[in-house]
Amino acid sequence: MTRAAVSIASNIAEGEERESHAESARFLYFAKGSSGELATQIFIAIEIGVIEK
């Protein structure tokens, strides 16, 4: 979960440092994927009782 959360911020930061809008958008797309990954991990953690809702 930590890795996915860090990946979101890191991809946004890396995309903003790129020279083009297309590259920035590409890294936002990666961040969106990491966001989905984190959401899934949170749902699973709640379901199996690792964290509370």
C-alpha atoms as a PDB file:
ATOM      1  CA  MET A   1       0.000   0.000   0.000  1.00  0.00           C
ATOM      2  CA  THR A   2       2.808   2.380   0.841  1.00  0.00           C
ATOM      3  CA  ARG A   3       4.515   1.658  -2.452  1.00  0.00           C
ATOM      4  CA  ALA A   4       1.340   2.377  -4.451  1.00  0.00           C
ATOM      5  CA  ALA A   5       0.708   5.599  -2.515  1.00  0.00           C
ATOM      6  CA  VAL A   6       4.249   6.840  -3.099  1.00  0.00           C
ATOM      7  CA  SER A   7       3.990   5.886  -6.759  1.00  0.00           C
ATOM      8  CA  ILE A   8       0.977   8.186  -7.217  1.00  0.00           C
ATOM      9  CA  ALA A   9       2.820  11.275  -5.989  1.00  0.00           C
ATOM     10  CA  SER A  10       6.064  10.299  -7.715  1.00  0.00           C
ATOM     11  CA  ASN A  11       4.398   9.869 -11.099  1.00  0.00           C
ATOM     12  CA  ILE A  12       2.639  13.213 -10.823  1.00  0.00           C
ATOM     13  CA  ALA A  13       5.903  14.936  -9.885  1.00  0.00           C
ATOM     14  CA  GLU A  14       7.840  13.239 -12.665  1.00  0.00           C
ATOM     15  CA  GLY A  15       5.183  14.127 -15.228  1.00  0.00           C
ATOM     16  CA  GLU A  16       5.230  17.777 -14.230  1.00  0.00           C
ATOM     17  CA  GLU A  17       8.982  17.894 -14.837  1.00  0.00           C
ATOM     18  CA  ARG A  18       8.597  16.690 -18.427  1.00  0.00           C
ATOM     19  CA  GLU A  19       8.869  19.102 -21.332  1.00  0.00           C
ATOM     20  CA  SER A  20       5.555  18.337 -23.031  1.00  0.00           C
ATOM     21  CA  HIS A  21       1.880  18.117 -22.226  1.00  0.00           C
ATOM     22  CA  ALA A  22       1.790  14.633 -23.742  1.00  0.00           C
ATOM     23  CA  GLU A  23       4.479  13.377 -21.360  1.00  0.00           C
ATOM     24  CA  SER A  24       2.757  15.044 -18.416  1.00  0.00           C
ATOM     25  CA  ALA A  25      -0.507  13.344 -19.366  1.00  0.00           C
ATOM     26  CA  ARG A  26       1.289  10.011 -19.732  1.00  0.00           C
ATOM     27  CA  PHE A  27       2.551  10.172 -16.153  1.00  0.00           C
ATOM     28  CA  LEU A  28      -0.868  11.246 -14.878  1.00  0.00           C
ATOM     29  CA  TYR A  29      -2.184   8.093 -16.540  1.00  0.00           C
ATOM     30  CA  PHE A  30       0.408   6.057 -14.605  1.00  0.00           C
ATOM     31  CA  ALA A  31      -0.627   7.815 -11.390  1.00  0.00           C
ATOM     32  CA  LYS A  32      -4.261   6.953 -12.100  1.00  0.00           C
ATOM     33  CA  GLY A  33      -3.289   3.286 -12.385  1.00  0.00           C
ATOM     34  CA  SER A  34      -1.459   3.431  -9.066  1.00  0.00           C
ATOM     35  CA  SER A  35      -4.504   5.090  -7.523  1.00  0.00           C
ATOM     36  CA  GLY A  36      -6.679   2.201  -8.648  1.00  0.00           C
ATOM     37  CA  GLU A  37      -4.156  -0.239  -7.256  1.00  0.00           C
ATOM     38  CA  LEU A  38      -4.175   1.512  -3.883  1.00  0.00           C
ATOM     39  CA  ALA A  39      -7.976   1.644  -3.759  1.00  0.00           C
ATOM     40  CA  THR A  40      -8.136  -2.094  -4.421  1.00  0.00           C
ATOM     41  CA  GLN A  41      -5.608  -2.789  -1.680  1.00  0.00           C
ATOM     42  CA  ILE A  42      -7.596  -0.668   0.776  1.00  0.00           C
ATOM     43  CA  PHE A  43     -10.836  -2.503  -0.067  1.00  0.00           C
ATOM     44  CA  ILE A  44      -9.124  -5.857   0.430  1.00  0.00           C
ATOM     45  CA  ALA A  45      -7.536  -4.749   3.711  1.00  0.00           C
ATOM     46  CA  ILE A  46     -10.949  -3.667   5.017  1.00  0.00           C
ATOM     47  CA  GLU A  47     -12.559  -6.906   3.860  1.00  0.00           C
ATOM     48  CA  ILE A  48     -10.019  -9.127   5.600  1.00  0.00           C
ATOM     49  CA  GLY A  49      -9.993  -7.022   8.760  1.00  0.00           C
ATOM     50  CA  VAL A  50      -6.508  -5.544   8.530  1.00  0.00           C
ATOM     51  CA  ILE A  51      -7.860  -1.986   8.729  1.00  0.00           C
ATOM     52  CA  GLU A  52     -11.202  -0.568   9.841  1.00  0.00           C
ATOM     53  CA  LYS A  53     -13.560   1.148   7.469  1.00  0.00           C
END
